Amino acid sequence: MRAQAERLVSDLSELIGLRKTIATERDQLATDRDKLKGDQVQLASLVEERQRKQSAIEKDLEAEGARALALARQADSLQGLIAKWSRTSKRRQSRRNCQPERHPGSA
């Protein structure tokens, strides 16, 4: 009977140890779960911030594209204006070269 009592005490001690181990593991799991929730919130915030930045970059790129197109049109217009001015200038020069020279005092 004494051996049986000692065995029961041993089994009881082992069960108490197991309960403590289970409680420790449960507490650690709860801590890990809470940390994961915090990490998820932080990750969601970072993803949202990255998406906002990406959206802003895309808008900036669109605006830059529009500015580049406007500048290209202005460059074409400027080239056309320069070409027209050059043609007009050449015509005027040609006309001047074709006119006889006039000397003051000659009638």
C-alpha atoms as a PDB file:
ATOM      1  CA  MET A   1       0.000   0.000   0.000  1.00  0.00           C
ATOM      2  CA  ARG A   2       2.882   2.315   0.767  1.00  0.00           C
ATOM      3  CA  ALA A   3       4.345   1.671  -2.690  1.00  0.00           C
ATOM      4  CA  GLN A   4       1.015   2.447  -4.221  1.00  0.00           C
ATOM      5  CA  ALA A   5       0.765   5.707  -2.237  1.00  0.00           C
ATOM      6  CA  GLU A   6       4.283   6.679  -3.324  1.00  0.00           C
ATOM      7  CA  ARG A   7       3.407   5.926  -6.894  1.00  0.00           C
ATOM      8  CA  LEU A   8       0.261   8.081  -6.598  1.00  0.00           C
ATOM      9  CA  VAL A   9       2.326  10.900  -5.087  1.00  0.00           C
ATOM     10  CA  SER A  10       4.825  10.545  -7.944  1.00  0.00           C
ATOM     11  CA  ASP A  11       2.042  10.532 -10.536  1.00  0.00           C
ATOM     12  CA  LEU A  12       0.433  13.534  -8.856  1.00  0.00           C
ATOM     13  CA  SER A  13       3.748  15.403  -8.873  1.00  0.00           C
ATOM     14  CA  GLU A  14       4.188  14.586 -12.532  1.00  0.00           C
ATOM     15  CA  LEU A  15       0.663  15.827 -13.320  1.00  0.00           C
ATOM     16  CA  ILE A  16       1.324  19.053 -11.403  1.00  0.00           C
ATOM     17  CA  GLY A  17       4.526  19.520 -13.405  1.00  0.00           C
ATOM     18  CA  LEU A  18       2.647  18.883 -16.644  1.00  0.00           C
ATOM     19  CA  ARG A  19      -0.032  21.430 -15.685  1.00  0.00           C
ATOM     20  CA  LYS A  20       2.654  24.012 -15.001  1.00  0.00           C
ATOM     21  CA  THR A  21       4.317  23.252 -18.326  1.00  0.00           C
ATOM     22  CA  ILE A  22       0.973  23.508 -20.128  1.00  0.00           C
ATOM     23  CA  ALA A  23       0.181  26.806 -18.394  1.00  0.00           C
ATOM     24  CA  THR A  24       3.618  28.193 -19.323  1.00  0.00           C
ATOM     25  CA  GLU A  25       3.212  27.125 -22.942  1.00  0.00           C
ATOM     26  CA  ARG A  26      -0.327  28.564 -23.044  1.00  0.00           C
ATOM     27  CA  ASP A  27       0.939  31.894 -21.710  1.00  0.00           C
ATOM     28  CA  GLN A  28       3.778  31.896 -24.252  1.00  0.00           C
ATOM     29  CA  LEU A  29       1.326  31.124 -27.056  1.00  0.00           C
ATOM     30  CA  ALA A  30      -0.913  33.996 -25.925  1.00  0.00           C
ATOM     31  CA  THR A  31       2.105  36.334 -25.897  1.00  0.00           C
ATOM     32  CA  ASP A  32       3.124  35.161 -29.360  1.00  0.00           C
ATOM     33  CA  ARG A  33      -0.441  35.616 -30.620  1.00  0.00           C
ATOM     34  CA  ASP A  34      -0.560  39.185 -29.289  1.00  0.00           C
ATOM     35  CA  LYS A  35       2.814  39.950 -30.872  1.00  0.00           C
ATOM     36  CA  LEU A  36       1.594  38.547 -34.197  1.00  0.00           C
ATOM     37  CA  LYS A  37      -1.502  40.749 -34.043  1.00  0.00           C
ATOM     38  CA  GLY A  38       0.710  43.778 -33.455  1.00  0.00           C
ATOM     39  CA  ASP A  39       2.965  42.744 -36.323  1.00  0.00           C
ATOM     40  CA  GLN A  40      -0.063  42.333 -38.599  1.00  0.00           C
ATOM     41  CA  VAL A  41      -1.253  45.844 -37.763  1.00  0.00           C
ATOM     42  CA  GLN A  42       2.206  47.253 -38.431  1.00  0.00           C
ATOM     43  CA  LEU A  43       2.513  45.313 -41.682  1.00  0.00           C
ATOM     44  CA  ALA A  44      -0.904  46.522 -42.847  1.00  0.00           C
ATOM     45  CA  SER A  45       0.160  50.086 -42.070  1.00  0.00           C
ATOM     46  CA  LEU A  46       3.384  49.679 -44.028  1.00  0.00           C
ATOM     47  CA  VAL A  47       1.551  48.167 -47.002  1.00  0.00           C
ATOM     48  CA  GLU A  48      -0.943  51.042 -46.970  1.00  0.00           C
ATOM     49  CA  GLU A  49       1.890  53.592 -46.847  1.00  0.00           C
ATOM     50  CA  ARG A  50       3.688  51.856 -49.725  1.00  0.00           C
ATOM     51  CA  GLN A  51       0.492  51.895 -51.793  1.00  0.00           C
ATOM     52  CA  ARG A  52       0.015  55.619 -51.099  1.00  0.00           C
ATOM     53  CA  LYS A  53       3.587  56.314 -52.183  1.00  0.00           C
ATOM     54  CA  GLN A  54       3.179  54.144 -55.276  1.00  0.00           C
ATOM     55  CA  SER A  55       0.020  56.013 -56.196  1.00  0.00           C
ATOM     56  CA  ALA A  56       1.774  59.362 -55.735  1.00  0.00           C
ATOM     57  CA  ILE A  57       4.687  58.193 -57.894  1.00  0.00           C
ATOM     58  CA  GLU A  58       2.307  57.071 -60.637  1.00  0.00           C
ATOM     59  CA  LYS A  59       0.548  60.464 -60.562  1.00  0.00           C
ATOM     60  CA  ASP A  60       3.920  62.228 -60.734  1.00  0.00           C
ATOM     61  CA  LEU A  61       4.918  60.076 -63.709  1.00  0.00           C
ATOM     62  CA  GLU A  62       1.676  60.921 -65.502  1.00  0.00           C
ATOM     63  CA  ALA A  63       2.233  64.614 -64.848  1.00  0.00           C
ATOM     64  CA  GLU A  64       5.832  64.359 -66.091  1.00  0.00           C
ATOM     65  CA  GLY A  65       4.617  62.601 -69.226  1.00  0.00           C
ATOM     66  CA  ALA A  66       2.093  65.365 -69.867  1.00  0.00           C
ATOM     67  CA  ARG A  67       4.792  68.019 -69.326  1.00  0.00           C
ATOM     68  CA  ALA A  68       7.151  66.196 -71.670  1.00  0.00           C
ATOM     69  CA  LEU A  69       4.434  66.024 -74.329  1.00  0.00           C
ATOM     70  CA  ALA A  70       3.685  69.732 -73.934  1.00  0.00           C
ATOM     71  CA  LEU A  71       7.392  70.547 -74.214  1.00  0.00           C
ATOM     72  CA  ALA A  72       7.688  68.381 -77.307  1.00  0.00           C
ATOM     73  CA  ARG A  73       4.780  70.248 -78.908  1.00  0.00           C
ATOM     74  CA  GLN A  74       6.360  73.563 -77.981  1.00  0.00           C
ATOM     75  CA  ALA A  75       9.658  72.413 -79.483  1.00  0.00           C
ATOM     76  CA  ASP A  76       7.870  71.450 -82.709  1.00  0.00           C
ATOM     77  CA  SER A  77       6.124  74.824 -82.743  1.00  0.00           C
ATOM     78  CA  LEU A  78       9.392  76.612 -82.088  1.00  0.00           C
ATOM     79  CA  GLN A  79      11.134  74.677 -84.851  1.00  0.00           C
ATOM     80  CA  GLY A  80       8.314  75.590 -87.223  1.00  0.00           C
ATOM     81  CA  LEU A  81       8.565  79.229 -86.210  1.00  0.00           C
ATOM     82  CA  ILE A  82      12.341  79.225 -86.729  1.00  0.00           C
ATOM     83  CA  ALA A  83      11.965  77.555 -90.127  1.00  0.00           C
ATOM     84  CA  LYS A  84       9.324  80.105 -91.179  1.00  0.00           C
ATOM     85  CA  TRP A  85      11.458  82.988 -89.994  1.00  0.00           C
ATOM     86  CA  SER A  86      14.437  81.540 -91.850  1.00  0.00           C
ATOM     87  CA  ARG A  87      12.436  81.215 -95.096  1.00  0.00           C
ATOM     88  CA  THR A  88      11.086  84.753 -94.725  1.00  0.00           C
ATOM     89  CA  SER A  89      14.546  86.086 -94.034  1.00  0.00           C
ATOM     90  CA  LYS A  90      15.952  84.299 -97.093  1.00  0.00           C
ATOM     91  CA  ARG A  91      13.164  85.694 -99.298  1.00  0.00           C
ATOM     92  CA  ARG A  92      13.836  89.210 -98.063  1.00  0.00           C
ATOM     93  CA  GLN A  93      17.553  88.777 -98.658  1.00  0.00           C
ATOM     94  CA  SER A  94      16.847  87.407-102.136  1.00  0.00           C
ATOM     95  CA  ARG A  95      14.622  90.397-102.936  1.00  0.00           C
ATOM     96  CA  ARG A  96      17.280  92.797-101.726  1.00  0.00           C
ATOM     97  CA  ASN A  97      19.859  91.095-103.920  1.00  0.00           C
ATOM     98  CA  CYS A  98      17.586  91.316-106.979  1.00  0.00           C
ATOM     99  CA  GLN A  99      16.849  95.058-106.619  1.00  0.00           C
ATOM    100  CA  PRO A 100      19.247  97.435-108.390  1.00  0.00           C
ATOM    101  CA  GLU A 101      21.426  99.478-106.164  1.00  0.00           C
ATOM    102  CA  ARG A 102      20.236 103.010-105.681  1.00  0.00           C
ATOM    103  CA  HIS A 103      22.682 105.792-105.204  1.00  0.00           C
ATOM    104  CA  PRO A 104      21.612 108.907-103.460  1.00  0.00           C
ATOM    105  CA  GLY A 105      21.329 111.834-105.782  1.00  0.00           C
ATOM    106  CA  SER A 106      20.738 109.772-108.934  1.00  0.00           C
ATOM    107  CA  ALA A 107      17.399 110.242-110.510  1.00  0.00           C
END
